[in-house]
PDB file of N, CA and C in Angstrom:
ATOM      1  N   MET A   1       6.711  -0.001 -14.593  1.00  0.00           N
ATOM      2  CA  MET A   1       6.315  -0.364 -13.234  1.00  0.00           C
ATOM      3  C   MET A   1       7.443  -0.010 -12.276  1.00  0.00           C
ATOM      4  N   LYS A   2       7.047   0.518 -11.139  1.00  0.00           N
ATOM      5  CA  LYS A   2       7.981   0.798 -10.054  1.00  0.00           C
ATOM      6  C   LYS A   2       7.487   0.038  -8.834  1.00  0.00           C
ATOM      7  N   SER A   3       8.420  -0.420  -8.005  1.00  0.00           N
ATOM      8  CA  SER A   3       8.008  -1.148  -6.804  1.00  0.00           C
ATOM      9  C   SER A   3       8.997  -0.919  -5.672  1.00  0.00           C
ATOM     10  N   PHE A   4       8.502  -1.140  -4.457  1.00  0.00           N
ATOM     11  CA  PHE A   4       9.361  -1.091  -3.277  1.00  0.00           C
ATOM     12  C   PHE A   4       8.852  -2.087  -2.260  1.00  0.00           C
ATOM     13  N   GLU A   5       9.759  -2.503  -1.388  1.00  0.00           N
ATOM     14  CA  GLU A   5       9.378  -3.353  -0.266  1.00  0.00           C
ATOM     15  C   GLU A   5       9.368  -2.493   0.979  1.00  0.00           C
ATOM     16  N   TYR A   6       8.450  -2.800   1.886  1.00  0.00           N
ATOM     17  CA  TYR A   6       8.349  -2.029   3.115  1.00  0.00           C
ATOM     18  C   TYR A   6       7.961  -2.959   4.259  1.00  0.00           C
ATOM     19  N   THR A   7       8.675  -2.828   5.372  1.00  0.00           N
ATOM     20  CA  THR A   7       8.346  -3.599   6.566  1.00  0.00           C
ATOM     21  C   THR A   7       7.486  -2.726   7.465  1.00  0.00           C
ATOM     22  N   ILE A   8       6.310  -3.212   7.792  1.00  0.00           N
ATOM     23  CA  ILE A   8       5.326  -2.452   8.569  1.00  0.00           C
ATOM     24  C   ILE A   8       5.844  -2.253   9.997  1.00  0.00           C
ATOM     25  N   THR A   9       5.799  -1.003  10.457  1.00  0.00           N
ATOM     26  CA  THR A   9       6.258  -0.683  11.811  1.00  0.00           C
ATOM     27  C   THR A   9       5.120  -0.268  12.734  1.00  0.00           C
ATOM     28  N   ASP A  10       3.939   0.005  12.175  1.00  0.00           N
ATOM     29  CA  ASP A  10       2.781   0.336  13.003  1.00  0.00           C
ATOM     30  C   ASP A  10       2.467  -0.858  13.900  1.00  0.00           C
ATOM     31  N   GLU A  11       2.293  -0.622  15.182  1.00  0.00           N
ATOM     32  CA  GLU A  11       2.082  -1.701  16.155  1.00  0.00           C
ATOM     33  C   GLU A  11       0.905  -2.599  15.813  1.00  0.00           C
ATOM     34  N   ILE A  12      -0.117  -2.046  15.180  1.00  0.00           N
ATOM     35  CA  ILE A  12      -1.326  -2.812  14.875  1.00  0.00           C
ATOM     36  C   ILE A  12      -1.311  -3.324  13.437  1.00  0.00           C
ATOM     37  N   GLY A  13      -0.397  -2.833  12.623  1.00  0.00           N
ATOM     38  CA  GLY A  13      -0.343  -3.253  11.225  1.00  0.00           C
ATOM     39  C   GLY A  13      -1.273  -2.408  10.372  1.00  0.00           C
ATOM     40  N   ILE A  14      -1.668  -2.959   9.234  1.00  0.00           N
ATOM     41  CA  ILE A  14      -2.591  -2.234   8.356  1.00  0.00           C
ATOM     42  C   ILE A  14      -4.010  -2.573   8.796  1.00  0.00           C
ATOM     43  N   HIS A  15      -4.526  -1.769   9.690  1.00  0.00           N
ATOM     44  CA  HIS A  15      -5.887  -1.942  10.195  1.00  0.00           C
ATOM     45  C   HIS A  15      -6.790  -0.911   9.531  1.00  0.00           C
ATOM     46  N   ALA A  16      -8.025  -0.813   9.954  1.00  0.00           N
ATOM     47  CA  ALA A  16      -9.047  -0.025   9.265  1.00  0.00           C
ATOM     48  C   ALA A  16      -8.657   1.422   8.973  1.00  0.00           C
ATOM     49  N   ARG A  17      -8.192   2.141   9.963  1.00  0.00           N
ATOM     50  CA  ARG A  17      -7.912   3.567   9.758  1.00  0.00           C
ATOM     51  C   ARG A  17      -6.789   3.803   8.737  1.00  0.00           C
ATOM     52  N   PRO A  18      -5.606   3.193   8.903  1.00  0.00           N
ATOM     53  CA  PRO A  18      -4.572   3.442   7.890  1.00  0.00           C
ATOM     54  C   PRO A  18      -4.913   2.845   6.522  1.00  0.00           C
ATOM     55  N   ALA A  19      -5.678   1.763   6.496  1.00  0.00           N
ATOM     56  CA  ALA A  19      -6.096   1.185   5.213  1.00  0.00           C
ATOM     57  C   ALA A  19      -6.978   2.180   4.467  1.00  0.00           C
ATOM     58  N   ARG A  20      -7.890   2.832   5.173  1.00  0.00           N
ATOM     59  CA  ARG A  20      -8.756   3.837   4.554  1.00  0.00           C
ATOM     60  C   ARG A  20      -7.918   5.008   4.042  1.00  0.00           C
ATOM     61  N   LYS A  21      -6.968   5.464   4.853  1.00  0.00           N
ATOM     62  CA  LYS A  21      -6.106   6.573   4.432  1.00  0.00           C
ATOM     63  C   LYS A  21      -5.278   6.188   3.208  1.00  0.00           C
ATOM     64  N   LEU A  22      -4.775   4.951   3.206  1.00  0.00           N
ATOM     65  CA  LEU A  22      -3.986   4.473   2.081  1.00  0.00           C
ATOM     66  C   LEU A  22      -4.834   4.443   0.813  1.00  0.00           C
ATOM     67  N   SER A  23      -6.033   3.955   0.928  1.00  0.00           N
ATOM     68  CA  SER A  23      -6.948   3.904  -0.203  1.00  0.00           C
ATOM     69  C   SER A  23      -7.267   5.311  -0.709  1.00  0.00           C
ATOM     70  N   GLU A  24      -7.494   6.240   0.201  1.00  0.00           N
ATOM     71  CA  GLU A  24      -7.766   7.631  -0.184  1.00  0.00           C
ATOM     72  C   GLU A  24      -6.570   8.252  -0.886  1.00  0.00           C
ATOM     73  N   GLU A  25      -5.374   7.961  -0.391  1.00  0.00           N
ATOM     74  CA  GLU A  25      -4.152   8.473  -1.022  1.00  0.00           C
ATOM     75  C   GLU A  25      -4.024   7.924  -2.439  1.00  0.00           C
ATOM     76  N   ALA A  26      -4.298   6.644  -2.619  1.00  0.00           N
ATOM     77  CA  ALA A  26      -4.166   6.003  -3.930  1.00  0.00           C
ATOM     78  C   ALA A  26      -5.150   6.573  -4.950  1.00  0.00           C
ATOM     79  N   LYS A  27      -6.297   7.050  -4.493  1.00  0.00           N
ATOM     80  CA  LYS A  27      -7.313   7.615  -5.394  1.00  0.00           C
ATOM     81  C   LYS A  27      -6.822   8.886  -6.086  1.00  0.00           C
ATOM     82  N   LYS A  28      -5.773   9.495  -5.571  1.00  0.00           N
ATOM     83  CA  LYS A  28      -5.243  10.724  -6.148  1.00  0.00           C
ATOM     84  C   LYS A  28      -4.502  10.480  -7.464  1.00  0.00           C
ATOM     85  N   TYR A  29      -4.200   9.206  -7.777  1.00  0.00           N
ATOM     86  CA  TYR A  29      -3.345   8.892  -8.918  1.00  0.00           C
ATOM     87  C   TYR A  29      -4.080   8.033  -9.940  1.00  0.00           C
ATOM     88  N   LYS A  30      -3.658   8.158 -11.190  1.00  0.00           N
ATOM     89  CA  LYS A  30      -4.214   7.345 -12.260  1.00  0.00           C
ATOM     90  C   LYS A  30      -3.620   5.940 -12.242  1.00  0.00           C
ATOM     91  N   SER A  31      -2.445   5.813 -11.678  1.00  0.00           N
ATOM     92  CA  SER A  31      -1.740   4.531 -11.660  1.00  0.00           C
ATOM     93  C   SER A  31      -2.449   3.504 -10.791  1.00  0.00           C
ATOM     94  N   LYS A  32      -2.256   2.244 -11.155  1.00  0.00           N
ATOM     95  CA  LYS A  32      -2.768   1.128 -10.371  1.00  0.00           C
ATOM     96  C   LYS A  32      -1.727   0.808  -9.299  1.00  0.00           C
ATOM     97  N   ILE A  33      -2.186   0.702  -8.052  1.00  0.00           N
ATOM     98  CA  ILE A  33      -1.280   0.461  -6.933  1.00  0.00           C
ATOM     99  C   ILE A  33      -1.690  -0.852  -6.273  1.00  0.00           C
ATOM    100  N   ILE A  34      -0.743  -1.771  -6.223  1.00  0.00           N
ATOM    101  CA  ILE A  34      -0.973  -3.118  -5.718  1.00  0.00           C
ATOM    102  C   ILE A  34      -0.069  -3.366  -4.508  1.00  0.00           C
ATOM    103  N   ILE A  35      -0.620  -4.039  -3.497  1.00  0.00           N
ATOM    104  CA  ILE A  35       0.187  -4.498  -2.355  1.00  0.00           C
ATOM    105  C   ILE A  35       0.219  -6.022  -2.412  1.00  0.00           C
ATOM    106  N   LYS A  36       1.422  -6.571  -2.222  1.00  0.00           N
ATOM    107  CA  LYS A  36       1.598  -8.024  -2.223  1.00  0.00           C
ATOM    108  C   LYS A  36       2.162  -8.479  -0.883  1.00  0.00           C
ATOM    109  N   LYS A  37       1.612  -9.604  -0.408  1.00  0.00           N
ATOM    110  CA  LYS A  37       2.104 -10.228   0.823  1.00  0.00           C
ATOM    111  C   LYS A  37       1.911 -11.737   0.698  1.00  0.00           C
ATOM    112  N   ASN A  38       2.988 -12.469   0.863  1.00  0.00           N
ATOM    113  CA  ASN A  38       2.932 -13.934   0.835  1.00  0.00           C
ATOM    114  C   ASN A  38       2.179 -14.491  -0.363  1.00  0.00           C
ATOM    115  N   GLY A  39       2.468 -13.996  -1.544  1.00  0.00           N
ATOM    116  CA  GLY A  39       1.855 -14.514  -2.756  1.00  0.00           C
ATOM    117  C   GLY A  39       0.473 -13.970  -3.063  1.00  0.00           C
ATOM    118  N   GLN A  40      -0.102 -13.205  -2.165  1.00  0.00           N
ATOM    119  CA  GLN A  40      -1.412 -12.588  -2.407  1.00  0.00           C
ATOM    120  C   GLN A  40      -1.190 -11.150  -2.856  1.00  0.00           C
ATOM    121  N   SER A  41      -2.016 -10.694  -3.787  1.00  0.00           N
ATOM    122  CA  SER A  41      -1.911  -9.302  -4.214  1.00  0.00           C
ATOM    123  C   SER A  41      -3.287  -8.665  -4.232  1.00  0.00           C
ATOM    124  N   VAL A  42      -3.318  -7.389  -3.844  1.00  0.00           N
ATOM    125  CA  VAL A  42      -4.568  -6.657  -3.701  1.00  0.00           C
ATOM    126  C   VAL A  42      -4.369  -5.233  -4.184  1.00  0.00           C
ATOM    127  N   GLU A  43      -5.350  -4.735  -4.934  1.00  0.00           N
ATOM    128  CA  GLU A  43      -5.332  -3.326  -5.319  1.00  0.00           C
ATOM    129  C   GLU A  43      -5.738  -2.512  -4.097  1.00  0.00           C
ATOM    130  N   VAL A  44      -4.974  -1.460  -3.787  1.00  0.00           N
ATOM    131  CA  VAL A  44      -5.224  -0.725  -2.551  1.00  0.00           C
ATOM    132  C   VAL A  44      -6.556   0.023  -2.543  1.00  0.00           C
ATOM    133  N   LEU A  45      -7.174   0.206  -3.694  1.00  0.00           N
ATOM    134  CA  LEU A  45      -8.476   0.858  -3.726  1.00  0.00           C
ATOM    135  C   LEU A  45      -9.572  -0.051  -3.188  1.00  0.00           C
ATOM    136  N   LYS A  46      -9.320  -1.333  -3.114  1.00  0.00           N
ATOM    137  CA  LYS A  46     -10.302  -2.300  -2.625  1.00  0.00           C
ATOM    138  C   LYS A  46     -10.078  -2.520  -1.130  1.00  0.00           C
ATOM    139  N   LEU A  47     -10.719  -1.674  -0.354  1.00  0.00           N
ATOM    140  CA  LEU A  47     -10.490  -1.591   1.083  1.00  0.00           C
ATOM    141  C   LEU A  47     -10.680  -2.924   1.809  1.00  0.00           C
ATOM    142  N   MET A  48     -11.759  -3.612   1.543  1.00  0.00           N
ATOM    143  CA  MET A  48     -12.012  -4.879   2.249  1.00  0.00           C
ATOM    144  C   MET A  48     -10.968  -5.931   1.898  1.00  0.00           C
ATOM    145  N   ALA A  49     -10.565  -5.983   0.651  1.00  0.00           N
ATOM    146  CA  ALA A  49      -9.527  -6.925   0.239  1.00  0.00           C
ATOM    147  C   ALA A  49      -8.204  -6.578   0.913  1.00  0.00           C
ATOM    148  N   LEU A  50      -7.940  -5.298   1.023  1.00  0.00           N
ATOM    149  CA  LEU A  50      -6.722  -4.837   1.696  1.00  0.00           C
ATOM    150  C   LEU A  50      -6.723  -5.279   3.157  1.00  0.00           C
ATOM    151  N   LEU A  51      -7.833  -5.141   3.823  1.00  0.00           N
ATOM    152  CA  LEU A  51      -7.933  -5.565   5.221  1.00  0.00           C
ATOM    153  C   LEU A  51      -7.788  -7.081   5.354  1.00  0.00           C
ATOM    154  N   ARG A  52      -8.294  -7.829   4.374  1.00  0.00           N
ATOM    155  CA  ARG A  52      -8.188  -9.294   4.417  1.00  0.00           C
ATOM    156  C   ARG A  52      -6.761  -9.791   4.272  1.00  0.00           C
ATOM    157  N   LEU A  53      -5.865  -8.953   3.760  1.00  0.00           N
ATOM    158  CA  LEU A  53      -4.452  -9.348   3.699  1.00  0.00           C
ATOM    159  C   LEU A  53      -3.893  -9.560   5.103  1.00  0.00           C
ATOM    160  N   SER A  54      -4.497  -8.880   6.073  1.00  0.00           N
ATOM    161  CA  SER A  54      -4.123  -9.027   7.478  1.00  0.00           C
ATOM    162  C   SER A  54      -2.624  -8.797   7.693  1.00  0.00           C
ATOM    163  N   VAL A  55      -2.166  -7.626   7.269  1.00  0.00           N
ATOM    164  CA  VAL A  55      -0.753  -7.281   7.388  1.00  0.00           C
ATOM    165  C   VAL A  55      -0.472  -6.807   8.811  1.00  0.00           C
ATOM    166  N   LYS A  56       0.453  -7.468   9.471  1.00  0.00           N
ATOM    167  CA  LYS A  56       0.792  -7.196  10.867  1.00  0.00           C
ATOM    168  C   LYS A  56       2.131  -6.470  10.975  1.00  0.00           C
ATOM    169  N   CYS A  57       2.382  -5.920  12.127  1.00  0.00           N
ATOM    170  CA  CYS A  57       3.648  -5.262  12.424  1.00  0.00           C
ATOM    171  C   CYS A  57       4.794  -6.256  12.215  1.00  0.00           C
ATOM    172  N   GLY A  58       5.833  -5.803  11.545  1.00  0.00           N
ATOM    173  CA  GLY A  58       6.999  -6.636  11.305  1.00  0.00           C
ATOM    174  C   GLY A  58       6.958  -7.404   9.995  1.00  0.00           C
ATOM    175  N   GLN A  59       5.794  -7.439   9.349  1.00  0.00           N
ATOM    176  CA  GLN A  59       5.694  -8.131   8.067  1.00  0.00           C
ATOM    177  C   GLN A  59       6.104  -7.192   6.932  1.00  0.00           C
ATOM    178  N   THR A  60       6.675  -7.784   5.895  1.00  0.00           N
ATOM    179  CA  THR A  60       7.126  -7.010   4.747  1.00  0.00           C
ATOM    180  C   THR A  60       6.159  -7.196   3.587  1.00  0.00           C
ATOM    181  N   VAL A  61       5.799  -6.083   2.971  1.00  0.00           N
ATOM    182  CA  VAL A  61       4.928  -6.094   1.795  1.00  0.00           C
ATOM    183  C   VAL A  61       5.696  -5.514   0.610  1.00  0.00           C
ATOM    184  N   THR A  62       5.246  -5.851  -0.567  1.00  0.00           N
ATOM    185  CA  THR A  62       5.766  -5.248  -1.790  1.00  0.00           C
ATOM    186  C   THR A  62       4.662  -4.374  -2.363  1.00  0.00           C
ATOM    187  N   VAL A  63       5.015  -3.166  -2.735  1.00  0.00           N
ATOM    188  CA  VAL A  63       4.061  -2.234  -3.332  1.00  0.00           C
ATOM    189  C   VAL A  63       4.487  -1.997  -4.776  1.00  0.00           C
ATOM    190  N   GLU A  64       3.563  -2.233  -5.698  1.00  0.00           N
ATOM    191  CA  GLU A  64       3.836  -2.029  -7.120  1.00  0.00           C
ATOM    192  C   GLU A  64       2.938  -0.923  -7.652  1.00  0.00           C
ATOM    193  N   VAL A  65       3.536  -0.040  -8.444  1.00  0.00           N
ATOM    194  CA  VAL A  65       2.812   1.090  -9.018  1.00  0.00           C
ATOM    195  C   VAL A  65       3.014   1.067 -10.532  1.00  0.00           C
ATOM    196  N   THR A  66       1.908   1.049 -11.273  1.00  0.00           N
ATOM    197  CA  THR A  66       1.968   0.995 -12.730  1.00  0.00           C
ATOM    198  C   THR A  66       0.966   1.974 -13.310  1.00  0.00           C
ATOM    199  N   GLY A  67       1.432   2.816 -14.225  1.00  0.00           N
ATOM    200  CA  GLY A  67       0.495   3.722 -14.888  1.00  0.00           C
ATOM    201  C   GLY A  67       1.128   5.013 -15.343  1.00  0.00           C
ATOM    202  N   ALA A  68       0.270   5.898 -15.810  1.00  0.00           N
ATOM    203  CA  ALA A  68       0.701   7.156 -16.420  1.00  0.00           C
ATOM    204  C   ALA A  68       1.490   8.050 -15.471  1.00  0.00           C
ATOM    205  N   ASP A  69       1.111   8.057 -14.204  1.00  0.00           N
ATOM    206  CA  ASP A  69       1.783   8.937 -13.236  1.00  0.00           C
ATOM    207  C   ASP A  69       2.539   8.112 -12.188  1.00  0.00           C
ATOM    208  N   GLU A  70       3.100   6.973 -12.630  1.00  0.00           N
ATOM    209  CA  GLU A  70       3.701   6.040 -11.675  1.00  0.00           C
ATOM    210  C   GLU A  70       4.862   6.615 -10.881  1.00  0.00           C
ATOM    211  N   THR A  71       5.652   7.503 -11.467  1.00  0.00           N
ATOM    212  CA  THR A  71       6.784   8.055 -10.717  1.00  0.00           C
ATOM    213  C   THR A  71       6.292   8.872  -9.531  1.00  0.00           C
ATOM    214  N   MET A  72       5.326   9.741  -9.766  1.00  0.00           N
ATOM    215  CA  MET A  72       4.776  10.557  -8.680  1.00  0.00           C
ATOM    216  C   MET A  72       4.057   9.669  -7.663  1.00  0.00           C
ATOM    217  N   ALA A  73       3.245   8.747  -8.153  1.00  0.00           N
ATOM    218  CA  ALA A  73       2.499   7.852  -7.262  1.00  0.00           C
ATOM    219  C   ALA A  73       3.449   7.008  -6.430  1.00  0.00           C
ATOM    220  N   TYR A  74       4.501   6.501  -7.041  1.00  0.00           N
ATOM    221  CA  TYR A  74       5.509   5.710  -6.332  1.00  0.00           C
ATOM    222  C   TYR A  74       6.123   6.516  -5.188  1.00  0.00           C
ATOM    223  N   GLU A  75       6.555   7.723  -5.490  1.00  0.00           N
ATOM    224  CA  GLU A  75       7.190   8.579  -4.490  1.00  0.00           C
ATOM    225  C   GLU A  75       6.241   8.894  -3.339  1.00  0.00           C
ATOM    226  N   GLU A  76       4.995   9.211  -3.668  1.00  0.00           N
ATOM    227  CA  GLU A  76       4.025   9.557  -2.632  1.00  0.00           C
ATOM    228  C   GLU A  76       3.600   8.339  -1.814  1.00  0.00           C
ATOM    229  N   MET A  77       3.503   7.176  -2.443  1.00  0.00           N
ATOM    230  CA  MET A  77       3.169   5.953  -1.704  1.00  0.00           C
ATOM    231  C   MET A  77       4.294   5.590  -0.736  1.00  0.00           C
ATOM    232  N   LEU A  78       5.530   5.692  -1.203  1.00  0.00           N
ATOM    233  CA  LEU A  78       6.670   5.414  -0.336  1.00  0.00           C
ATOM    234  C   LEU A  78       6.672   6.366   0.856  1.00  0.00           C
ATOM    235  N   LYS A  79       6.426   7.643   0.602  1.00  0.00           N
ATOM    236  CA  LYS A  79       6.330   8.637   1.676  1.00  0.00           C
ATOM    237  C   LYS A  79       5.188   8.288   2.634  1.00  0.00           C
ATOM    238  N   PHE A  80       4.028   7.914   2.086  1.00  0.00           N
ATOM    239  CA  PHE A  80       2.881   7.556   2.916  1.00  0.00           C
ATOM    240  C   PHE A  80       3.229   6.386   3.838  1.00  0.00           C
ATOM    241  N   PHE A  81       3.816   5.337   3.290  1.00  0.00           N
ATOM    242  CA  PHE A  81       4.178   4.186   4.104  1.00  0.00           C
ATOM    243  C   PHE A  81       5.136   4.573   5.214  1.00  0.00           C
ATOM    244  N   ARG A  82       6.144   5.352   4.890  1.00  0.00           N
ATOM    245  CA  ARG A  82       7.133   5.769   5.902  1.00  0.00           C
ATOM    246  C   ARG A  82       6.495   6.607   7.013  1.00  0.00           C
ATOM    247  N   GLU A  83       5.542   7.432   6.675  1.00  0.00           N
ATOM    248  CA  GLU A  83       4.935   8.324   7.661  1.00  0.00           C
ATOM    249  C   GLU A  83       3.775   7.693   8.431  1.00  0.00           C
ATOM    250  N   ASN A  84       3.144   6.673   7.863  1.00  0.00           N
ATOM    251  CA  ASN A  84       1.923   6.152   8.469  1.00  0.00           C
ATOM    252  C   ASN A  84       1.923   4.665   8.843  1.00  0.00           C
ATOM    253  N   LEU A  85       2.820   3.901   8.261  1.00  0.00           N
ATOM    254  CA  LEU A  85       2.785   2.470   8.492  1.00  0.00           C
ATOM    255  C   LEU A  85       4.128   1.934   8.948  1.00  0.00           C
TER     256      LEU A  85
END
């Protein structure tokens, strides 16, 4: 398992459009990708659950990546967060 913490800088947080993009990005990998916030954890492929996390600007999330291609998925998820969130 690989993980990183990220503080959201998008003014609106993880809202519908970036959540959809994040979910689409995660579909490219075999690894399971989980986002955690305040004790809640959600698989990023589950779009509605991801939106229910209600992640706002300035909040920090933990992203965990586990699976066969976790190194690549980890690197690409970190890049995605930096470029989009």
